Amino acid sequence: MKSPDYWPQALRELGKNDPVMRKLIRKHGGLTLRSRGNAFQTLARAIVGQQISVKAAQAVWNRLAAAVPELSPAAISLAGPEQLRACGLSTSKSLYLHDLAGHFESGRLQPRRWHALDDEALILELTDVKGIGRWTAEMFLIFYMARPDVLPLADIGLQRAVALHYAQGKPVSMLKIERIARLWQPWRSVATWYLWRSLDPIPVEY
């Protein structure tokens, strides 16, 4: 798993532009964002992890990996709903994984095209899959595509961390987060990643 090439430049510029970022980067400086490098599995992990804790999501993923070792679109398509539910997936998430696999198998999702798409175009393509909303697509852009300037405004962790570090713990609106995040452009993904680290030092990986 390789860190993005832009990471050192992003750290220099974030630290220069924002004292809060400078402090967080110093505290968590040995850690970086890393991509697993498998598009289908990254999206499947994001679906599995929706609305449950990181620990619970990992437990479900481990059971899924044991039941369907290949974890490819073809293998998921062949797995029955009962088999997926036995891994701890809800009925809805089982359907979402099947729909994701179908998009890959039919060619409606073509990873080779994605580097030519801007962030919004790629989000639009990904959200055609059942169960993938904007937040999940943004996680994919950050963790798999390593896009440098994604700001997942609806992310609860980002909201909590901004409140903690920029508003004395008071709730902040998405509009205020957007205003604060102007300091971070064009490295909003990196800033978000360090804000997540301030809440949980162990990096989440998709």
N, C-alpha and C. Protein backbone atom coordinates (compact mmCIF):
# COMPACT_ATOMS: atom_id res chain seq x y z
N MET A 1 0.85 -1.19 0.00
CA MET A 1 0.00 0.00 0.00
C MET A 1 0.89 1.24 0.00
N LYS A 2 0.74 2.07 -0.99
CA LYS A 2 1.63 3.21 -1.22
C LYS A 2 0.95 4.51 -0.82
N SER A 3 1.72 5.41 -0.20
CA SER A 3 1.20 6.73 0.12
C SER A 3 1.15 7.58 -1.14
N PRO A 4 0.21 8.53 -1.22
CA PRO A 4 0.15 9.40 -2.40
C PRO A 4 1.42 10.24 -2.54
N ASP A 5 1.83 10.48 -3.79
CA ASP A 5 3.04 11.26 -4.05
C ASP A 5 2.93 12.69 -3.54
N TYR A 6 1.70 13.20 -3.49
CA TYR A 6 1.53 14.60 -3.10
C TYR A 6 1.59 14.82 -1.59
N TRP A 7 1.67 13.76 -0.79
CA TRP A 7 1.53 13.88 0.66
C TRP A 7 2.52 14.87 1.29
N PRO A 8 3.82 14.80 0.99
CA PRO A 8 4.76 15.75 1.62
C PRO A 8 4.43 17.21 1.30
N GLN A 9 4.08 17.50 0.04
CA GLN A 9 3.72 18.87 -0.32
C GLN A 9 2.47 19.32 0.42
N ALA A 10 1.48 18.42 0.53
CA ALA A 10 0.24 18.75 1.23
C ALA A 10 0.53 19.09 2.69
N LEU A 11 1.39 18.34 3.34
CA LEU A 11 1.71 18.60 4.74
C LEU A 11 2.40 19.95 4.92
N ARG A 12 3.30 20.26 4.02
CA ARG A 12 3.99 21.55 4.11
C ARG A 12 2.99 22.71 3.99
N GLU A 13 2.11 22.62 3.01
CA GLU A 13 1.19 23.73 2.75
C GLU A 13 0.09 23.82 3.80
N LEU A 14 -0.42 22.68 4.26
CA LEU A 14 -1.42 22.71 5.33
C LEU A 14 -0.83 23.29 6.61
N GLY A 15 0.38 22.87 6.96
CA GLY A 15 1.03 23.37 8.16
C GLY A 15 1.32 24.86 8.09
N LYS A 16 1.61 25.34 6.91
CA LYS A 16 1.89 26.77 6.71
C LYS A 16 0.61 27.61 6.82
N ASN A 17 -0.50 27.07 6.29
CA ASN A 17 -1.74 27.84 6.18
C ASN A 17 -2.64 27.78 7.42
N ASP A 18 -2.48 26.73 8.26
CA ASP A 18 -3.44 26.51 9.34
C ASP A 18 -2.71 26.00 10.59
N PRO A 19 -2.67 26.79 11.65
CA PRO A 19 -1.98 26.35 12.88
C PRO A 19 -2.54 25.06 13.47
N VAL A 20 -3.86 24.86 13.34
CA VAL A 20 -4.47 23.62 13.85
C VAL A 20 -3.92 22.42 13.09
N MET A 21 -3.86 22.54 11.78
CA MET A 21 -3.31 21.45 10.97
C MET A 21 -1.84 21.20 11.31
N ARG A 22 -1.10 22.28 11.51
CA ARG A 22 0.33 22.13 11.84
C ARG A 22 0.49 21.29 13.11
N LYS A 23 -0.35 21.54 14.10
CA LYS A 23 -0.28 20.79 15.37
C LYS A 23 -0.65 19.33 15.15
N LEU A 24 -1.72 19.07 14.38
CA LEU A 24 -2.16 17.69 14.16
C LEU A 24 -1.15 16.90 13.34
N ILE A 25 -0.55 17.55 12.37
CA ILE A 25 0.44 16.88 11.53
C ILE A 25 1.67 16.49 12.36
N ARG A 26 2.07 17.39 13.25
CA ARG A 26 3.21 17.06 14.12
C ARG A 26 2.90 15.89 15.03
N LYS A 27 1.67 15.85 15.53
CA LYS A 27 1.29 14.79 16.46
C LYS A 27 1.18 13.44 15.78
N HIS A 28 0.70 13.41 14.53
CA HIS A 28 0.46 12.15 13.82
C HIS A 28 1.33 12.05 12.57
N GLY A 29 2.52 12.61 12.63
CA GLY A 29 3.35 12.76 11.44
C GLY A 29 3.84 11.46 10.81
N GLY A 30 3.88 10.38 11.56
CA GLY A 30 4.40 9.14 10.99
C GLY A 30 3.37 8.34 10.21
N LEU A 31 2.13 8.83 10.17
CA LEU A 31 1.06 8.08 9.51
C LEU A 31 0.68 8.75 8.19
N THR A 32 0.24 7.94 7.23
CA THR A 32 -0.22 8.48 5.95
C THR A 32 -1.41 7.68 5.45
N LEU A 33 -2.13 8.29 4.53
CA LEU A 33 -3.20 7.60 3.82
C LEU A 33 -2.60 6.54 2.91
N ARG A 34 -3.21 5.35 2.88
CA ARG A 34 -2.73 4.29 2.00
C ARG A 34 -3.92 3.59 1.36
N SER A 35 -3.79 3.29 0.07
CA SER A 35 -4.85 2.61 -0.68
C SER A 35 -4.55 1.12 -0.77
N ARG A 36 -5.61 0.31 -0.63
CA ARG A 36 -5.45 -1.14 -0.77
C ARG A 36 -5.29 -1.55 -2.24
N GLY A 37 -5.75 -0.72 -3.15
CA GLY A 37 -5.51 -0.97 -4.57
C GLY A 37 -6.46 -1.94 -5.24
N ASN A 38 -7.62 -2.25 -4.63
CA ASN A 38 -8.61 -3.11 -5.27
C ASN A 38 -9.95 -2.37 -5.26
N ALA A 39 -10.38 -1.93 -6.43
CA ALA A 39 -11.56 -1.06 -6.52
C ALA A 39 -12.81 -1.75 -6.00
N PHE A 40 -13.06 -2.98 -6.45
CA PHE A 40 -14.27 -3.67 -6.03
C PHE A 40 -14.29 -3.89 -4.52
N GLN A 41 -13.18 -4.37 -3.97
CA GLN A 41 -13.15 -4.65 -2.54
C GLN A 41 -13.23 -3.37 -1.71
N THR A 42 -12.66 -2.28 -2.21
CA THR A 42 -12.76 -1.01 -1.49
C THR A 42 -14.22 -0.57 -1.38
N LEU A 43 -14.96 -0.65 -2.49
CA LEU A 43 -16.37 -0.27 -2.48
C LEU A 43 -17.18 -1.24 -1.63
N ALA A 44 -16.86 -2.53 -1.72
CA ALA A 44 -17.58 -3.52 -0.91
C ALA A 44 -17.35 -3.27 0.58
N ARG A 45 -16.11 -2.94 0.95
CA ARG A 45 -15.80 -2.63 2.34
C ARG A 45 -16.60 -1.41 2.83
N ALA A 46 -16.71 -0.42 1.95
CA ALA A 46 -17.45 0.79 2.32
C ALA A 46 -18.92 0.46 2.57
N ILE A 47 -19.50 -0.41 1.75
CA ILE A 47 -20.89 -0.82 1.95
C ILE A 47 -21.03 -1.60 3.26
N VAL A 48 -20.13 -2.53 3.48
CA VAL A 48 -20.18 -3.33 4.71
C VAL A 48 -20.11 -2.43 5.94
N GLY A 49 -19.30 -1.37 5.87
CA GLY A 49 -19.06 -0.52 7.02
C GLY A 49 -20.09 0.54 7.29
N GLN A 50 -21.10 0.65 6.43
CA GLN A 50 -22.10 1.71 6.61
C GLN A 50 -22.89 1.54 7.91
N GLN A 51 -22.94 2.61 8.70
CA GLN A 51 -23.79 2.70 9.89
C GLN A 51 -23.45 1.70 10.99
N ILE A 52 -22.23 1.17 10.98
CA ILE A 52 -21.79 0.32 12.09
C ILE A 52 -20.38 0.75 12.46
N SER A 53 -19.92 0.34 13.62
CA SER A 53 -18.60 0.73 14.09
C SER A 53 -17.50 0.10 13.24
N VAL A 54 -16.32 0.69 13.31
CA VAL A 54 -15.17 0.14 12.58
C VAL A 54 -14.90 -1.30 13.02
N LYS A 55 -14.98 -1.56 14.33
CA LYS A 55 -14.72 -2.91 14.85
C LYS A 55 -15.74 -3.90 14.33
N ALA A 56 -17.03 -3.52 14.35
CA ALA A 56 -18.08 -4.42 13.85
C ALA A 56 -17.92 -4.66 12.36
N ALA A 57 -17.58 -3.61 11.62
CA ALA A 57 -17.40 -3.74 10.17
C ALA A 57 -16.27 -4.71 9.85
N GLN A 58 -15.16 -4.62 10.61
CA GLN A 58 -14.04 -5.53 10.36
C GLN A 58 -14.44 -6.98 10.65
N ALA A 59 -15.23 -7.19 11.69
CA ALA A 59 -15.68 -8.54 12.04
C ALA A 59 -16.54 -9.12 10.92
N VAL A 60 -17.46 -8.31 10.38
CA VAL A 60 -18.32 -8.77 9.28
C VAL A 60 -17.47 -9.05 8.04
N TRP A 61 -16.53 -8.15 7.77
CA TRP A 61 -15.67 -8.34 6.60
C TRP A 61 -14.84 -9.62 6.72
N ASN A 62 -14.33 -9.90 7.90
CA ASN A 62 -13.55 -11.12 8.10
C ASN A 62 -14.39 -12.37 7.84
N ARG A 63 -15.66 -12.35 8.31
CA ARG A 63 -16.54 -13.49 8.05
C ARG A 63 -16.87 -13.61 6.57
N LEU A 64 -17.04 -12.47 5.92
CA LEU A 64 -17.32 -12.49 4.48
C LEU A 64 -16.13 -13.04 3.71
N ALA A 65 -14.93 -12.62 4.09
CA ALA A 65 -13.71 -13.09 3.41
C ALA A 65 -13.51 -14.59 3.62
N ALA A 66 -13.93 -15.11 4.77
CA ALA A 66 -13.82 -16.54 5.02
C ALA A 66 -14.85 -17.32 4.21
N ALA A 67 -16.05 -16.75 4.06
CA ALA A 67 -17.12 -17.44 3.33
C ALA A 67 -16.95 -17.33 1.82
N VAL A 68 -16.41 -16.20 1.35
CA VAL A 68 -16.22 -15.96 -0.09
C VAL A 68 -14.77 -15.52 -0.28
N PRO A 69 -13.82 -16.46 -0.24
CA PRO A 69 -12.41 -16.10 -0.19
C PRO A 69 -11.93 -15.20 -1.33
N GLU A 70 -12.47 -15.41 -2.54
CA GLU A 70 -11.97 -14.63 -3.67
C GLU A 70 -12.40 -13.17 -3.60
N LEU A 71 -13.59 -12.91 -3.07
CA LEU A 71 -14.14 -11.56 -2.93
C LEU A 71 -14.03 -10.75 -4.23
N SER A 72 -14.40 -11.40 -5.32
CA SER A 72 -14.45 -10.76 -6.63
C SER A 72 -15.91 -10.51 -7.00
N PRO A 73 -16.18 -9.69 -8.03
CA PRO A 73 -17.56 -9.52 -8.47
C PRO A 73 -18.25 -10.84 -8.81
N ALA A 74 -17.54 -11.72 -9.50
CA ALA A 74 -18.14 -13.00 -9.89
C ALA A 74 -18.47 -13.85 -8.66
N ALA A 75 -17.57 -13.87 -7.70
CA ALA A 75 -17.79 -14.68 -6.50
C ALA A 75 -18.95 -14.14 -5.67
N ILE A 76 -19.06 -12.83 -5.55
CA ILE A 76 -20.16 -12.24 -4.80
C ILE A 76 -21.48 -12.50 -5.52
N SER A 77 -21.48 -12.41 -6.84
CA SER A 77 -22.70 -12.68 -7.61
C SER A 77 -23.20 -14.10 -7.38
N LEU A 78 -22.26 -15.04 -7.21
CA LEU A 78 -22.64 -16.44 -7.03
C LEU A 78 -23.08 -16.73 -5.59
N ALA A 79 -22.69 -15.90 -4.66
CA ALA A 79 -23.06 -16.12 -3.26
C ALA A 79 -24.53 -15.77 -3.05
N GLY A 80 -25.27 -16.66 -2.44
CA GLY A 80 -26.69 -16.43 -2.22
C GLY A 80 -26.93 -15.44 -1.09
N PRO A 81 -28.11 -14.81 -1.05
CA PRO A 81 -28.43 -13.87 0.03
C PRO A 81 -28.28 -14.48 1.42
N GLU A 82 -28.66 -15.76 1.56
CA GLU A 82 -28.56 -16.41 2.87
C GLU A 82 -27.10 -16.52 3.31
N GLN A 83 -26.22 -16.84 2.35
CA GLN A 83 -24.80 -16.95 2.67
C GLN A 83 -24.24 -15.61 3.12
N LEU A 84 -24.64 -14.54 2.44
CA LEU A 84 -24.15 -13.21 2.81
C LEU A 84 -24.71 -12.77 4.17
N ARG A 85 -25.99 -13.05 4.40
CA ARG A 85 -26.58 -12.67 5.69
C ARG A 85 -25.95 -13.45 6.84
N ALA A 86 -25.53 -14.68 6.57
CA ALA A 86 -24.87 -15.48 7.60
C ALA A 86 -23.54 -14.88 8.04
N CYS A 87 -22.98 -14.00 7.21
CA CYS A 87 -21.73 -13.31 7.56
C CYS A 87 -21.99 -12.09 8.43
N GLY A 88 -23.25 -11.76 8.64
CA GLY A 88 -23.59 -10.60 9.46
C GLY A 88 -24.09 -9.42 8.66
N LEU A 89 -24.28 -9.60 7.36
CA LEU A 89 -24.79 -8.52 6.52
C LEU A 89 -26.31 -8.45 6.61
N SER A 90 -26.84 -7.25 6.60
CA SER A 90 -28.29 -7.09 6.55
C SER A 90 -28.79 -7.48 5.17
N THR A 91 -30.11 -7.66 5.06
CA THR A 91 -30.71 -7.96 3.75
C THR A 91 -30.38 -6.86 2.76
N SER A 92 -30.46 -5.61 3.20
CA SER A 92 -30.18 -4.48 2.31
C SER A 92 -28.73 -4.51 1.82
N LYS A 93 -27.79 -4.73 2.74
CA LYS A 93 -26.38 -4.74 2.34
C LYS A 93 -26.06 -5.91 1.43
N SER A 94 -26.74 -7.02 1.62
CA SER A 94 -26.56 -8.17 0.71
C SER A 94 -26.99 -7.78 -0.69
N LEU A 95 -28.13 -7.09 -0.81
CA LEU A 95 -28.61 -6.63 -2.12
C LEU A 95 -27.64 -5.62 -2.72
N TYR A 96 -27.10 -4.74 -1.88
CA TYR A 96 -26.17 -3.73 -2.38
C TYR A 96 -24.90 -4.37 -2.94
N LEU A 97 -24.39 -5.39 -2.25
CA LEU A 97 -23.19 -6.06 -2.74
C LEU A 97 -23.44 -6.77 -4.07
N HIS A 98 -24.62 -7.37 -4.20
CA HIS A 98 -24.96 -8.01 -5.47
C HIS A 98 -25.08 -6.97 -6.58
N ASP A 99 -25.67 -5.81 -6.27
CA ASP A 99 -25.79 -4.77 -7.29
C ASP A 99 -24.42 -4.23 -7.68
N LEU A 100 -23.53 -4.06 -6.70
CA LEU A 100 -22.16 -3.62 -6.98
C LEU A 100 -21.46 -4.61 -7.89
N ALA A 101 -21.57 -5.90 -7.55
CA ALA A 101 -20.94 -6.93 -8.38
C ALA A 101 -21.49 -6.90 -9.79
N GLY A 102 -22.80 -6.70 -9.93
CA GLY A 102 -23.42 -6.63 -11.25
C GLY A 102 -22.91 -5.46 -12.07
N HIS A 103 -22.67 -4.33 -11.43
CA HIS A 103 -22.14 -3.16 -12.14
C HIS A 103 -20.74 -3.44 -12.68
N PHE A 104 -19.92 -4.15 -11.90
CA PHE A 104 -18.58 -4.49 -12.37
C PHE A 104 -18.64 -5.51 -13.50
N GLU A 105 -19.46 -6.53 -13.31
CA GLU A 105 -19.51 -7.60 -14.32
C GLU A 105 -20.08 -7.11 -15.65
N SER A 106 -21.03 -6.19 -15.60
CA SER A 106 -21.66 -5.70 -16.83
C SER A 106 -20.85 -4.62 -17.53
N GLY A 107 -19.87 -4.07 -16.83
CA GLY A 107 -19.08 -2.99 -17.39
C GLY A 107 -19.65 -1.61 -17.14
N ARG A 108 -20.74 -1.53 -16.38
CA ARG A 108 -21.28 -0.20 -16.05
C ARG A 108 -20.31 0.59 -15.18
N LEU A 109 -19.50 -0.11 -14.42
CA LEU A 109 -18.38 0.51 -13.72
C LEU A 109 -17.10 0.01 -14.39
N GLN A 110 -16.29 0.94 -14.89
CA GLN A 110 -15.05 0.60 -15.57
C GLN A 110 -13.90 1.37 -14.93
N PRO A 111 -13.19 0.75 -14.01
CA PRO A 111 -12.12 1.44 -13.30
C PRO A 111 -11.08 2.11 -14.20
N ARG A 112 -10.86 1.56 -15.38
CA ARG A 112 -9.85 2.15 -16.27
C ARG A 112 -10.21 3.58 -16.67
N ARG A 113 -11.50 3.92 -16.64
CA ARG A 113 -11.95 5.24 -17.05
C ARG A 113 -11.84 6.28 -15.93
N TRP A 114 -11.73 5.83 -14.70
CA TRP A 114 -11.96 6.72 -13.57
C TRP A 114 -10.94 7.84 -13.43
N HIS A 115 -9.69 7.59 -13.82
CA HIS A 115 -8.67 8.62 -13.66
C HIS A 115 -8.92 9.81 -14.59
N ALA A 116 -9.71 9.60 -15.64
CA ALA A 116 -10.03 10.69 -16.56
C ALA A 116 -11.23 11.51 -16.09
N LEU A 117 -11.94 11.04 -15.06
CA LEU A 117 -13.13 11.73 -14.57
C LEU A 117 -12.78 12.66 -13.42
N ASP A 118 -13.43 13.83 -13.37
CA ASP A 118 -13.25 14.68 -12.20
C ASP A 118 -14.06 14.11 -11.03
N ASP A 119 -13.89 14.70 -9.85
CA ASP A 119 -14.50 14.14 -8.65
C ASP A 119 -16.02 14.00 -8.77
N GLU A 120 -16.68 15.06 -9.23
CA GLU A 120 -18.14 15.03 -9.28
C GLU A 120 -18.65 14.01 -10.31
N ALA A 121 -17.97 13.89 -11.44
CA ALA A 121 -18.38 12.91 -12.45
C ALA A 121 -18.24 11.48 -11.92
N LEU A 122 -17.17 11.24 -11.18
CA LEU A 122 -16.96 9.90 -10.63
C LEU A 122 -17.97 9.61 -9.53
N ILE A 123 -18.26 10.60 -8.69
CA ILE A 123 -19.28 10.41 -7.65
C ILE A 123 -20.62 10.06 -8.30
N LEU A 124 -20.97 10.73 -9.38
CA LEU A 124 -22.23 10.46 -10.08
C LEU A 124 -22.26 9.02 -10.60
N GLU A 125 -21.16 8.55 -11.14
CA GLU A 125 -21.10 7.19 -11.66
C GLU A 125 -21.22 6.15 -10.53
N LEU A 126 -20.53 6.40 -9.44
CA LEU A 126 -20.55 5.44 -8.34
C LEU A 126 -21.91 5.38 -7.65
N THR A 127 -22.58 6.51 -7.55
CA THR A 127 -23.87 6.54 -6.85
C THR A 127 -25.00 5.93 -7.67
N ASP A 128 -24.70 5.45 -8.86
CA ASP A 128 -25.67 4.67 -9.62
C ASP A 128 -25.86 3.28 -9.00
N VAL A 129 -24.90 2.86 -8.19
CA VAL A 129 -24.98 1.55 -7.51
C VAL A 129 -25.89 1.70 -6.29
N LYS A 130 -26.79 0.74 -6.11
CA LYS A 130 -27.66 0.75 -4.93
C LYS A 130 -26.81 0.67 -3.67
N GLY A 131 -27.13 1.53 -2.71
CA GLY A 131 -26.41 1.51 -1.45
C GLY A 131 -25.18 2.38 -1.42
N ILE A 132 -24.79 2.95 -2.56
CA ILE A 132 -23.67 3.87 -2.58
C ILE A 132 -24.21 5.28 -2.73
N GLY A 133 -24.15 6.03 -1.64
CA GLY A 133 -24.52 7.43 -1.66
C GLY A 133 -23.29 8.30 -1.77
N ARG A 134 -23.49 9.59 -1.61
CA ARG A 134 -22.38 10.51 -1.78
C ARG A 134 -21.25 10.24 -0.78
N TRP A 135 -21.60 9.97 0.50
CA TRP A 135 -20.56 9.74 1.49
C TRP A 135 -19.68 8.55 1.11
N THR A 136 -20.31 7.44 0.72
CA THR A 136 -19.54 6.25 0.34
C THR A 136 -18.65 6.55 -0.86
N ALA A 137 -19.20 7.27 -1.83
CA ALA A 137 -18.40 7.64 -3.01
C ALA A 137 -17.22 8.52 -2.61
N GLU A 138 -17.45 9.44 -1.68
CA GLU A 138 -16.35 10.30 -1.23
C GLU A 138 -15.27 9.49 -0.51
N MET A 139 -15.68 8.51 0.29
CA MET A 139 -14.69 7.65 0.94
C MET A 139 -13.85 6.92 -0.12
N PHE A 140 -14.50 6.50 -1.20
CA PHE A 140 -13.78 5.82 -2.27
C PHE A 140 -12.78 6.76 -2.94
N LEU A 141 -13.21 7.99 -3.18
CA LEU A 141 -12.30 8.96 -3.80
C LEU A 141 -11.09 9.22 -2.93
N ILE A 142 -11.30 9.26 -1.60
CA ILE A 142 -10.18 9.51 -0.69
C ILE A 142 -9.29 8.28 -0.56
N PHE A 143 -9.89 7.12 -0.29
CA PHE A 143 -9.10 5.95 0.09
C PHE A 143 -8.59 5.12 -1.09
N TYR A 144 -9.34 5.07 -2.17
CA TYR A 144 -8.88 4.28 -3.32
C TYR A 144 -8.24 5.16 -4.39
N MET A 145 -8.96 6.20 -4.80
CA MET A 145 -8.44 7.06 -5.86
C MET A 145 -7.37 8.02 -5.35
N ALA A 146 -7.31 8.19 -4.02
CA ALA A 146 -6.35 9.12 -3.40
C ALA A 146 -6.48 10.52 -3.97
N ARG A 147 -7.72 10.93 -4.22
CA ARG A 147 -7.95 12.29 -4.70
C ARG A 147 -7.62 13.27 -3.56
N PRO A 148 -6.91 14.34 -3.83
CA PRO A 148 -6.36 15.17 -2.75
C PRO A 148 -7.31 16.19 -2.14
N ASP A 149 -8.41 16.51 -2.81
CA ASP A 149 -9.20 17.67 -2.38
C ASP A 149 -10.68 17.34 -2.18
N VAL A 150 -10.97 16.20 -1.54
CA VAL A 150 -12.34 15.79 -1.25
C VAL A 150 -12.70 16.24 0.16
N LEU A 151 -13.87 16.85 0.32
CA LEU A 151 -14.34 17.29 1.63
C LEU A 151 -15.68 16.62 1.92
N PRO A 152 -15.70 15.54 2.72
CA PRO A 152 -16.94 14.80 2.99
C PRO A 152 -17.76 15.47 4.10
N LEU A 153 -18.50 16.50 3.73
CA LEU A 153 -19.19 17.34 4.71
C LEU A 153 -20.14 16.56 5.61
N ALA A 154 -20.75 15.49 5.09
CA ALA A 154 -21.72 14.73 5.88
C ALA A 154 -21.06 13.74 6.83
N ASP A 155 -19.74 13.65 6.82
CA ASP A 155 -19.05 12.68 7.66
C ASP A 155 -19.10 13.11 9.12
N ILE A 156 -19.61 12.24 9.98
CA ILE A 156 -19.77 12.57 11.39
C ILE A 156 -18.41 12.80 12.07
N GLY A 157 -17.43 12.00 11.71
CA GLY A 157 -16.10 12.17 12.29
C GLY A 157 -15.50 13.52 11.96
N LEU A 158 -15.64 13.95 10.72
CA LEU A 158 -15.15 15.27 10.32
C LEU A 158 -15.86 16.36 11.11
N GLN A 159 -17.17 16.24 11.23
CA GLN A 159 -17.95 17.24 11.96
C GLN A 159 -17.51 17.31 13.42
N ARG A 160 -17.31 16.16 14.04
CA ARG A 160 -16.89 16.12 15.45
C ARG A 160 -15.51 16.74 15.62
N ALA A 161 -14.61 16.41 14.71
CA ALA A 161 -13.23 16.90 14.84
C ALA A 161 -13.16 18.40 14.60
N VAL A 162 -13.90 18.91 13.64
CA VAL A 162 -13.91 20.36 13.40
C VAL A 162 -14.49 21.08 14.62
N ALA A 163 -15.57 20.54 15.19
CA ALA A 163 -16.14 21.14 16.40
C ALA A 163 -15.11 21.17 17.53
N LEU A 164 -14.37 20.09 17.68
CA LEU A 164 -13.39 19.97 18.76
C LEU A 164 -12.24 20.97 18.60
N HIS A 165 -11.73 21.08 17.38
CA HIS A 165 -10.50 21.85 17.17
C HIS A 165 -10.73 23.30 16.74
N TYR A 166 -11.92 23.59 16.21
CA TYR A 166 -12.15 24.93 15.67
C TYR A 166 -13.32 25.67 16.34
N ALA A 167 -14.10 24.99 17.22
CA ALA A 167 -15.28 25.63 17.80
C ALA A 167 -15.47 25.29 19.27
N GLN A 168 -14.36 24.99 19.97
CA GLN A 168 -14.42 24.69 21.41
C GLN A 168 -15.44 23.60 21.74
N GLY A 169 -15.60 22.66 20.83
CA GLY A 169 -16.50 21.53 21.07
C GLY A 169 -17.95 21.78 20.72
N LYS A 170 -18.27 22.98 20.28
CA LYS A 170 -19.65 23.29 19.93
C LYS A 170 -19.97 22.78 18.52
N PRO A 171 -21.22 22.32 18.28
CA PRO A 171 -21.58 21.82 16.95
C PRO A 171 -21.34 22.88 15.87
N VAL A 172 -20.92 22.42 14.71
CA VAL A 172 -20.66 23.33 13.59
C VAL A 172 -21.52 22.93 12.40
N SER A 173 -21.95 23.91 11.63
CA SER A 173 -22.75 23.65 10.44
C SER A 173 -21.84 23.24 9.29
N MET A 174 -22.44 22.63 8.29
CA MET A 174 -21.67 22.28 7.10
C MET A 174 -21.13 23.53 6.42
N LEU A 175 -21.90 24.61 6.46
CA LEU A 175 -21.46 25.86 5.86
C LEU A 175 -20.19 26.38 6.54
N LYS A 176 -20.16 26.27 7.88
CA LYS A 176 -18.96 26.71 8.60
C LYS A 176 -17.77 25.82 8.29
N ILE A 177 -18.02 24.50 8.19
CA ILE A 177 -16.92 23.59 7.83
C ILE A 177 -16.37 23.95 6.46
N GLU A 178 -17.26 24.26 5.52
CA GLU A 178 -16.81 24.67 4.18
C GLU A 178 -15.93 25.91 4.25
N ARG A 179 -16.33 26.86 5.09
CA ARG A 179 -15.55 28.10 5.20
C ARG A 179 -14.16 27.82 5.80
N ILE A 180 -14.15 27.02 6.87
CA ILE A 180 -12.87 26.67 7.49
C ILE A 180 -11.97 25.94 6.49
N ALA A 181 -12.59 25.06 5.71
CA ALA A 181 -11.84 24.19 4.79
C ALA A 181 -11.21 24.95 3.63
N ARG A 182 -11.57 26.21 3.45
CA ARG A 182 -10.92 27.00 2.39
C ARG A 182 -9.43 27.12 2.67
N LEU A 183 -9.06 27.10 3.95
CA LEU A 183 -7.65 27.14 4.32
C LEU A 183 -6.89 25.90 3.83
N TRP A 184 -7.61 24.82 3.64
CA TRP A 184 -6.97 23.54 3.34
C TRP A 184 -6.83 23.27 1.84
N GLN A 185 -7.57 23.98 1.02
CA GLN A 185 -7.51 23.71 -0.42
C GLN A 185 -6.09 23.92 -0.95
N PRO A 186 -5.63 23.08 -1.86
CA PRO A 186 -6.30 21.96 -2.54
C PRO A 186 -6.04 20.60 -1.88
N TRP A 187 -5.93 20.59 -0.55
CA TRP A 187 -5.57 19.36 0.17
C TRP A 187 -6.62 19.00 1.22
N ARG A 188 -7.89 19.15 0.89
CA ARG A 188 -8.92 18.91 1.90
C ARG A 188 -9.03 17.45 2.30
N SER A 189 -8.70 16.52 1.41
CA SER A 189 -8.68 15.10 1.80
C SER A 189 -7.65 14.85 2.89
N VAL A 190 -6.49 15.47 2.74
CA VAL A 190 -5.40 15.27 3.70
C VAL A 190 -5.78 15.88 5.04
N ALA A 191 -6.34 17.09 5.01
CA ALA A 191 -6.78 17.73 6.25
C ALA A 191 -7.84 16.89 6.96
N THR A 192 -8.78 16.37 6.19
CA THR A 192 -9.82 15.50 6.76
C THR A 192 -9.20 14.28 7.40
N TRP A 193 -8.23 13.69 6.74
CA TRP A 193 -7.56 12.50 7.26
C TRP A 193 -6.91 12.79 8.62
N TYR A 194 -6.25 13.94 8.76
CA TYR A 194 -5.62 14.28 10.04
C TYR A 194 -6.65 14.61 11.10
N LEU A 195 -7.76 15.20 10.72
CA LEU A 195 -8.83 15.43 11.69
C LEU A 195 -9.40 14.10 12.19
N TRP A 196 -9.55 13.13 11.29
CA TRP A 196 -9.97 11.79 11.73
C TRP A 196 -8.96 11.22 12.72
N ARG A 197 -7.67 11.39 12.43
CA ARG A 197 -6.63 10.86 13.33
C ARG A 197 -6.71 11.48 14.72
N SER A 198 -7.17 12.72 14.80
CA SER A 198 -7.27 13.36 16.10
C SER A 198 -8.33 12.71 16.98
N LEU A 199 -9.28 12.02 16.37
CA LEU A 199 -10.32 11.29 17.10
C LEU A 199 -9.93 9.84 17.31
N ASP A 200 -9.26 9.25 16.33
CA ASP A 200 -8.87 7.85 16.39
C ASP A 200 -7.51 7.71 15.74
N PRO A 201 -6.45 7.55 16.53
CA PRO A 201 -5.09 7.48 15.95
C PRO A 201 -4.88 6.33 14.99
N ILE A 202 -5.71 5.29 15.06
CA ILE A 202 -5.53 4.14 14.18
C ILE A 202 -6.23 4.42 12.84
N PRO A 203 -5.50 4.49 11.74
CA PRO A 203 -6.12 4.83 10.47
C PRO A 203 -7.14 3.78 10.02
N VAL A 204 -8.27 4.26 9.50
CA VAL A 204 -9.24 3.38 8.85
C VAL A 204 -8.76 3.15 7.42
N GLU A 205 -8.88 1.92 6.95
CA GLU A 205 -8.50 1.60 5.57
C GLU A 205 -9.65 0.89 4.90
N TYR A 206 -9.93 1.26 3.65
CA TYR A 206 -11.01 0.64 2.89
C TYR A 206 -10.44 -0.22 1.78
